[in-house]
Amino acid sequence: MSPRQWRTATKLTLEEAAAAVGIRGKNPARTWQRWEVGDRAPPHLVVATVAKLSEGRVTIANWPKRRRGPTFAEASA
């Protein structure tokens, strides 16, 4: 089960999911969203916390691989 599938199955908003794992800051919902789509990799503590909250249904293998955009040199060419 992916983190997004778990979040929607438990009827959590992005903000609620971020709060459940202790994310703070300017826009915790956006941080969670970046993790869900693979723009950023979540910290290991978050992965472990979600695994516990989901009763093992979301594992490290279920998180999307970090998407990689072009390097600065490739984008400038």
N, C-alpha and C. Protein backbone atom coordinates (compact mmCIF):
# COMPACT_ATOMS: atom_id res chain seq x y z
N MET A 1 0.86 -1.17 0.00
CA MET A 1 0.00 0.00 0.00
C MET A 1 0.90 1.23 0.00
N SER A 2 0.61 2.16 -0.88
CA SER A 2 1.41 3.38 -0.94
C SER A 2 1.00 4.34 0.18
N PRO A 3 1.86 5.29 0.50
CA PRO A 3 1.48 6.26 1.52
C PRO A 3 0.19 7.02 1.16
N ARG A 4 0.02 7.33 -0.11
CA ARG A 4 -1.21 8.02 -0.54
C ARG A 4 -2.43 7.14 -0.35
N GLN A 5 -2.32 5.87 -0.71
CA GLN A 5 -3.44 4.94 -0.52
C GLN A 5 -3.79 4.81 0.95
N TRP A 6 -2.77 4.73 1.80
CA TRP A 6 -3.02 4.64 3.24
C TRP A 6 -3.70 5.91 3.75
N ARG A 7 -3.18 7.07 3.32
CA ARG A 7 -3.74 8.34 3.77
C ARG A 7 -5.19 8.49 3.36
N THR A 8 -5.51 8.16 2.13
CA THR A 8 -6.89 8.30 1.67
C THR A 8 -7.81 7.24 2.29
N ALA A 9 -7.28 6.04 2.50
CA ALA A 9 -8.08 4.98 3.13
C ALA A 9 -8.44 5.33 4.57
N THR A 10 -7.55 6.04 5.24
CA THR A 10 -7.81 6.44 6.61
C THR A 10 -8.48 7.81 6.68
N LYS A 11 -8.79 8.36 5.50
CA LYS A 11 -9.49 9.65 5.38
C LYS A 11 -8.73 10.81 6.04
N LEU A 12 -7.40 10.79 5.88
CA LEU A 12 -6.58 11.87 6.38
C LEU A 12 -6.30 12.86 5.27
N THR A 13 -6.33 14.14 5.60
CA THR A 13 -5.89 15.16 4.64
C THR A 13 -4.37 15.18 4.63
N LEU A 14 -3.80 15.88 3.69
CA LEU A 14 -2.35 16.02 3.67
C LEU A 14 -1.86 16.63 4.98
N GLU A 15 -2.57 17.65 5.45
CA GLU A 15 -2.19 18.32 6.69
C GLU A 15 -2.29 17.38 7.90
N GLU A 16 -3.34 16.58 7.95
CA GLU A 16 -3.52 15.65 9.06
C GLU A 16 -2.44 14.56 9.05
N ALA A 17 -2.10 14.08 7.86
CA ALA A 17 -1.05 13.06 7.76
C ALA A 17 0.29 13.63 8.22
N ALA A 18 0.59 14.85 7.82
CA ALA A 18 1.82 15.50 8.24
C ALA A 18 1.85 15.68 9.75
N ALA A 19 0.74 16.09 10.32
CA ALA A 19 0.66 16.26 11.78
C ALA A 19 0.83 14.93 12.50
N ALA A 20 0.30 13.86 11.92
CA ALA A 20 0.36 12.54 12.55
C ALA A 20 1.80 12.04 12.70
N VAL A 21 2.68 12.49 11.81
CA VAL A 21 4.08 12.07 11.90
C VAL A 21 4.98 13.16 12.48
N GLY A 22 4.36 14.24 12.95
CA GLY A 22 5.10 15.28 13.65
C GLY A 22 5.78 16.31 12.78
N ILE A 23 5.30 16.51 11.57
CA ILE A 23 5.91 17.49 10.68
C ILE A 23 5.42 18.88 11.06
N ARG A 24 6.34 19.79 11.22
CA ARG A 24 6.03 21.17 11.55
C ARG A 24 6.65 22.08 10.50
N GLY A 25 6.28 23.32 10.52
CA GLY A 25 6.90 24.26 9.60
C GLY A 25 5.86 25.12 8.91
N LYS A 26 6.30 25.78 7.87
CA LYS A 26 5.45 26.72 7.16
C LYS A 26 4.27 26.04 6.47
N ASN A 27 4.52 24.90 5.82
CA ASN A 27 3.46 24.22 5.09
C ASN A 27 3.67 22.70 5.17
N PRO A 28 3.30 22.09 6.30
CA PRO A 28 3.51 20.65 6.46
C PRO A 28 2.79 19.81 5.41
N ALA A 29 1.63 20.26 4.96
CA ALA A 29 0.88 19.51 3.95
C ALA A 29 1.68 19.41 2.66
N ARG A 30 2.33 20.48 2.27
CA ARG A 30 3.14 20.47 1.05
C ARG A 30 4.34 19.54 1.20
N THR A 31 4.93 19.51 2.39
CA THR A 31 6.04 18.59 2.65
C THR A 31 5.58 17.16 2.45
N TRP A 32 4.43 16.81 3.04
CA TRP A 32 3.90 15.45 2.89
C TRP A 32 3.63 15.15 1.42
N GLN A 33 3.04 16.11 0.73
CA GLN A 33 2.73 15.91 -0.69
C GLN A 33 4.00 15.64 -1.50
N ARG A 34 5.05 16.36 -1.21
CA ARG A 34 6.33 16.13 -1.92
C ARG A 34 6.84 14.72 -1.69
N TRP A 35 6.64 14.20 -0.49
CA TRP A 35 7.06 12.83 -0.20
C TRP A 35 6.19 11.83 -0.97
N GLU A 36 4.89 12.08 -0.99
CA GLU A 36 3.95 11.16 -1.66
C GLU A 36 4.25 11.00 -3.14
N VAL A 37 4.62 12.07 -3.81
CA VAL A 37 4.85 12.00 -5.25
C VAL A 37 6.29 11.73 -5.63
N GLY A 38 7.19 11.71 -4.64
CA GLY A 38 8.58 11.40 -4.92
C GLY A 38 9.45 12.60 -5.24
N ASP A 39 8.94 13.82 -5.01
CA ASP A 39 9.78 14.99 -5.22
C ASP A 39 10.89 15.06 -4.17
N ARG A 40 10.62 14.56 -3.00
CA ARG A 40 11.58 14.52 -1.90
C ARG A 40 11.47 13.15 -1.21
N ALA A 41 12.53 12.74 -0.60
CA ALA A 41 12.52 11.48 0.17
C ALA A 41 12.22 11.82 1.63
N PRO A 42 11.30 11.10 2.25
CA PRO A 42 11.01 11.36 3.66
C PRO A 42 12.15 10.88 4.55
N PRO A 43 12.31 11.51 5.70
CA PRO A 43 13.32 11.02 6.65
C PRO A 43 12.97 9.61 7.13
N HIS A 44 13.97 8.87 7.51
CA HIS A 44 13.76 7.48 7.96
C HIS A 44 12.80 7.41 9.14
N LEU A 45 12.84 8.40 10.03
CA LEU A 45 11.94 8.40 11.17
C LEU A 45 10.48 8.50 10.71
N VAL A 46 10.22 9.28 9.67
CA VAL A 46 8.86 9.39 9.13
C VAL A 46 8.43 8.07 8.53
N VAL A 47 9.30 7.43 7.77
CA VAL A 47 8.99 6.13 7.16
C VAL A 47 8.64 5.12 8.26
N ALA A 48 9.42 5.10 9.32
CA ALA A 48 9.17 4.17 10.43
C ALA A 48 7.86 4.50 11.13
N THR A 49 7.57 5.79 11.31
CA THR A 49 6.34 6.19 11.98
C THR A 49 5.12 5.81 11.16
N VAL A 50 5.18 6.02 9.85
CA VAL A 50 4.06 5.65 8.98
C VAL A 50 3.88 4.14 8.97
N ALA A 51 4.96 3.40 8.98
CA ALA A 51 4.86 1.93 9.03
C ALA A 51 4.13 1.50 10.29
N LYS A 52 4.45 2.14 11.40
CA LYS A 52 3.80 1.81 12.67
C LYS A 52 2.32 2.22 12.65
N LEU A 53 2.03 3.44 12.18
CA LEU A 53 0.65 3.92 12.14
C LEU A 53 -0.22 3.08 11.20
N SER A 54 0.40 2.59 10.12
CA SER A 54 -0.35 1.80 9.14
C SER A 54 -0.35 0.31 9.47
N GLU A 55 0.19 -0.04 10.62
CA GLU A 55 0.28 -1.43 11.05
C GLU A 55 1.04 -2.29 10.04
N GLY A 56 2.09 -1.72 9.49
CA GLY A 56 2.96 -2.45 8.57
C GLY A 56 2.50 -2.49 7.13
N ARG A 57 1.40 -1.85 6.81
CA ARG A 57 0.91 -1.87 5.42
C ARG A 57 1.72 -0.96 4.51
N VAL A 58 2.33 0.08 5.07
CA VAL A 58 3.21 0.96 4.30
C VAL A 58 4.63 0.72 4.78
N THR A 59 5.46 0.21 3.89
CA THR A 59 6.86 -0.06 4.23
C THR A 59 7.75 0.88 3.42
N ILE A 60 9.02 0.81 3.67
CA ILE A 60 9.95 1.67 2.94
C ILE A 60 9.87 1.41 1.43
N ALA A 61 9.56 0.19 1.05
CA ALA A 61 9.46 -0.16 -0.38
C ALA A 61 8.24 0.47 -1.04
N ASN A 62 7.24 0.88 -0.24
CA ASN A 62 6.02 1.44 -0.79
C ASN A 62 6.12 2.93 -1.09
N TRP A 63 7.14 3.59 -0.57
CA TRP A 63 7.30 5.02 -0.84
C TRP A 63 7.82 5.17 -2.27
N PRO A 64 7.36 6.19 -2.99
CA PRO A 64 7.84 6.35 -4.37
C PRO A 64 9.33 6.67 -4.40
N LYS A 65 9.96 6.19 -5.44
CA LYS A 65 11.38 6.52 -5.62
C LYS A 65 11.48 8.01 -5.90
N ARG A 66 12.54 8.60 -5.42
CA ARG A 66 12.71 10.04 -5.62
C ARG A 66 12.89 10.33 -7.10
N ARG A 67 12.02 11.21 -7.59
CA ARG A 67 12.13 11.61 -9.00
C ARG A 67 13.33 12.52 -9.15
N ARG A 68 14.00 12.38 -10.26
CA ARG A 68 15.17 13.22 -10.50
C ARG A 68 14.94 14.02 -11.74
N GLY A 69 15.10 15.29 -11.62
CA GLY A 69 15.00 16.17 -12.77
C GLY A 69 16.37 16.31 -13.42
N PRO A 70 16.44 17.11 -14.46
CA PRO A 70 17.74 17.32 -15.11
C PRO A 70 18.68 18.07 -14.18
N THR A 71 19.95 17.82 -14.35
CA THR A 71 20.94 18.56 -13.57
C THR A 71 20.98 19.99 -14.06
N PHE A 72 21.61 20.87 -13.32
CA PHE A 72 21.71 22.26 -13.72
C PHE A 72 22.38 22.39 -15.08
N ALA A 73 23.44 21.61 -15.30
CA ALA A 73 24.16 21.66 -16.57
C ALA A 73 23.28 21.22 -17.72
N GLU A 74 22.47 20.18 -17.51
CA GLU A 74 21.57 19.70 -18.57
C GLU A 74 20.48 20.71 -18.86
N ALA A 75 19.96 21.36 -17.83
CA ALA A 75 18.90 22.34 -18.00
C ALA A 75 19.41 23.59 -18.70
N SER A 76 20.70 23.90 -18.52
CA SER A 76 21.28 25.11 -19.11
C SER A 76 21.68 24.90 -20.57
N ALA A 77 21.85 23.67 -20.98
CA ALA A 77 22.32 23.38 -22.34
C ALA A 77 21.27 23.63 -23.39
